[in-house]
Amino acid sequence: MIGQQKGPLSGQGAQTRRRRAGIAAFLVGLVASLAFFAFFPGLPHVIDWGAIIVSLIVGGLARWGCQAWITRATKQKAERM
């Protein structure tokens, strides 16, 4: 019988946490940048297509950064063990 690995660094659970963290980071980046365009003084307070596109890009960058950070932390934990 093949033994299964259990722990914080094992397979499906780690990928699920990484995916959920990426989705949360995307949503936080998206909402934060839309709020910036909507409420920052001096801007026209209009959400247009440019603001939506920039917000999607910011959300994507936030997701990428979060997942890269989680991957790096996971690799460092694996090296310590």
C-alpha atoms as a PDB file:
ATOM      1  CA  MET A   1       0.000   0.000   0.000  1.00  0.00           C
ATOM      2  CA  ILE A   2       1.215   3.482  -0.799  1.00  0.00           C
ATOM      3  CA  GLY A   3       1.456   5.858   2.155  1.00  0.00           C
ATOM      4  CA  GLN A   4      -0.098   9.252   1.763  1.00  0.00           C
ATOM      5  CA  GLN A   5       1.668  12.414   2.777  1.00  0.00           C
ATOM      6  CA  LYS A   6      -0.137  14.527   5.267  1.00  0.00           C
ATOM      7  CA  GLY A   7       0.745  17.956   6.500  1.00  0.00           C
ATOM      8  CA  PRO A   8       0.672  21.575   5.468  1.00  0.00           C
ATOM      9  CA  LEU A   9       2.827  21.022   2.374  1.00  0.00           C
ATOM     10  CA  SER A  10       1.003  18.081   0.828  1.00  0.00           C
ATOM     11  CA  GLY A  11      -0.767  18.122  -2.533  1.00  0.00           C
ATOM     12  CA  GLN A  12      -4.384  19.038  -2.950  1.00  0.00           C
ATOM     13  CA  GLY A  13      -4.837  20.965   0.300  1.00  0.00           C
ATOM     14  CA  ALA A  14      -1.928  23.265  -0.464  1.00  0.00           C
ATOM     15  CA  GLN A  15      -3.184  23.897  -3.995  1.00  0.00           C
ATOM     16  CA  THR A  16      -6.665  24.678  -2.696  1.00  0.00           C
ATOM     17  CA  ARG A  17      -5.304  27.184  -0.175  1.00  0.00           C
ATOM     18  CA  ARG A  18      -3.104  28.742  -2.871  1.00  0.00           C
ATOM     19  CA  ARG A  19      -6.072  29.064  -5.261  1.00  0.00           C
ATOM     20  CA  ARG A  20      -8.318  30.590  -2.593  1.00  0.00           C
ATOM     21  CA  ALA A  21      -5.623  33.046  -1.559  1.00  0.00           C
ATOM     22  CA  GLY A  22      -5.163  34.019  -5.223  1.00  0.00           C
ATOM     23  CA  ILE A  23      -8.884  34.644  -5.655  1.00  0.00           C
ATOM     24  CA  ALA A  24      -9.000  36.715  -2.471  1.00  0.00           C
ATOM     25  CA  ALA A  25      -5.959  38.753  -3.552  1.00  0.00           C
ATOM     26  CA  PHE A  26      -7.517  39.378  -6.971  1.00  0.00           C
ATOM     27  CA  LEU A  27     -10.761  40.606  -5.429  1.00  0.00           C
ATOM     28  CA  VAL A  28      -8.968  42.837  -2.910  1.00  0.00           C
ATOM     29  CA  GLY A  29      -6.837  44.392  -5.660  1.00  0.00           C
ATOM     30  CA  LEU A  30      -9.854  44.884  -7.910  1.00  0.00           C
ATOM     31  CA  VAL A  31     -12.032  46.480  -5.238  1.00  0.00           C
ATOM     32  CA  ALA A  32      -9.210  48.637  -3.871  1.00  0.00           C
ATOM     33  CA  SER A  33      -8.350  50.080  -7.261  1.00  0.00           C
ATOM     34  CA  LEU A  34     -12.021  50.658  -8.143  1.00  0.00           C
ATOM     35  CA  ALA A  35     -12.457  52.422  -4.794  1.00  0.00           C
ATOM     36  CA  PHE A  36      -9.404  54.541  -5.591  1.00  0.00           C
ATOM     37  CA  PHE A  37     -10.895  55.646  -8.896  1.00  0.00           C
ATOM     38  CA  ALA A  38     -14.289  56.265  -7.311  1.00  0.00           C
ATOM     39  CA  PHE A  39     -13.295  58.194  -4.192  1.00  0.00           C
ATOM     40  CA  PHE A  40      -9.836  59.744  -4.650  1.00  0.00           C
ATOM     41  CA  PRO A  41     -10.056  63.548  -4.521  1.00  0.00           C
ATOM     42  CA  GLY A  42      -9.270  65.271  -7.792  1.00  0.00           C
ATOM     43  CA  LEU A  43     -10.427  62.460 -10.030  1.00  0.00           C
ATOM     44  CA  PRO A  44     -13.699  62.811 -11.931  1.00  0.00           C
ATOM     45  CA  HIS A  45     -15.385  60.128  -9.754  1.00  0.00           C
ATOM     46  CA  VAL A  46     -16.510  58.205 -12.788  1.00  0.00           C
ATOM     47  CA  ILE A  47     -15.838  54.542 -13.315  1.00  0.00           C
ATOM     48  CA  ASP A  48     -15.159  54.228 -17.043  1.00  0.00           C
ATOM     49  CA  TRP A  49     -13.687  51.420 -19.135  1.00  0.00           C
ATOM     50  CA  GLY A  50     -10.157  52.607 -18.456  1.00  0.00           C
ATOM     51  CA  ALA A  51     -10.685  52.352 -14.705  1.00  0.00           C
ATOM     52  CA  ILE A  52     -12.198  48.902 -15.076  1.00  0.00           C
ATOM     53  CA  ILE A  53      -9.310  47.650 -17.213  1.00  0.00           C
ATOM     54  CA  VAL A  54      -6.716  49.106 -14.839  1.00  0.00           C
ATOM     55  CA  SER A  55      -8.553  47.547 -11.885  1.00  0.00           C
ATOM     56  CA  LEU A  56      -8.515  44.136 -13.577  1.00  0.00           C
ATOM     57  CA  ILE A  57      -4.785  44.493 -14.221  1.00  0.00           C
ATOM     58  CA  VAL A  58      -4.162  45.514 -10.596  1.00  0.00           C
ATOM     59  CA  GLY A  59      -6.221  42.542  -9.413  1.00  0.00           C
ATOM     60  CA  GLY A  60      -4.222  40.215 -11.660  1.00  0.00           C
ATOM     61  CA  LEU A  61      -0.932  41.615 -10.360  1.00  0.00           C
ATOM     62  CA  ALA A  62      -2.134  41.204  -6.777  1.00  0.00           C
ATOM     63  CA  ARG A  63      -3.079  37.572  -7.491  1.00  0.00           C
ATOM     64  CA  TRP A  64       0.258  36.870  -9.155  1.00  0.00           C
ATOM     65  CA  GLY A  65       2.172  38.463  -6.282  1.00  0.00           C
ATOM     66  CA  CYS A  66       0.217  36.568  -3.654  1.00  0.00           C
ATOM     67  CA  GLN A  67       0.677  33.218  -5.365  1.00  0.00           C
ATOM     68  CA  ALA A  68       4.393  33.859  -5.891  1.00  0.00           C
ATOM     69  CA  TRP A  69       4.745  34.719  -2.216  1.00  0.00           C
ATOM     70  CA  ILE A  70       2.895  31.570  -1.126  1.00  0.00           C
ATOM     71  CA  THR A  71       4.961  29.397  -3.489  1.00  0.00           C
ATOM     72  CA  ARG A  72       8.220  30.867  -2.192  1.00  0.00           C
ATOM     73  CA  ALA A  73       7.151  30.392   1.430  1.00  0.00           C
ATOM     74  CA  THR A  74       6.134  26.788   0.736  1.00  0.00           C
ATOM     75  CA  LYS A  75       9.492  26.035  -0.900  1.00  0.00           C
ATOM     76  CA  GLN A  76      11.356  27.570   2.037  1.00  0.00           C
ATOM     77  CA  LYS A  77       9.357  25.435   4.480  1.00  0.00           C
ATOM     78  CA  ALA A  78      10.106  22.339   2.417  1.00  0.00           C
ATOM     79  CA  GLU A  79      13.845  23.106   2.416  1.00  0.00           C
ATOM     80  CA  ARG A  80      13.871  23.485   6.206  1.00  0.00           C
ATOM     81  CA  MET A  81      12.314  20.069   6.706  1.00  0.00           C
END
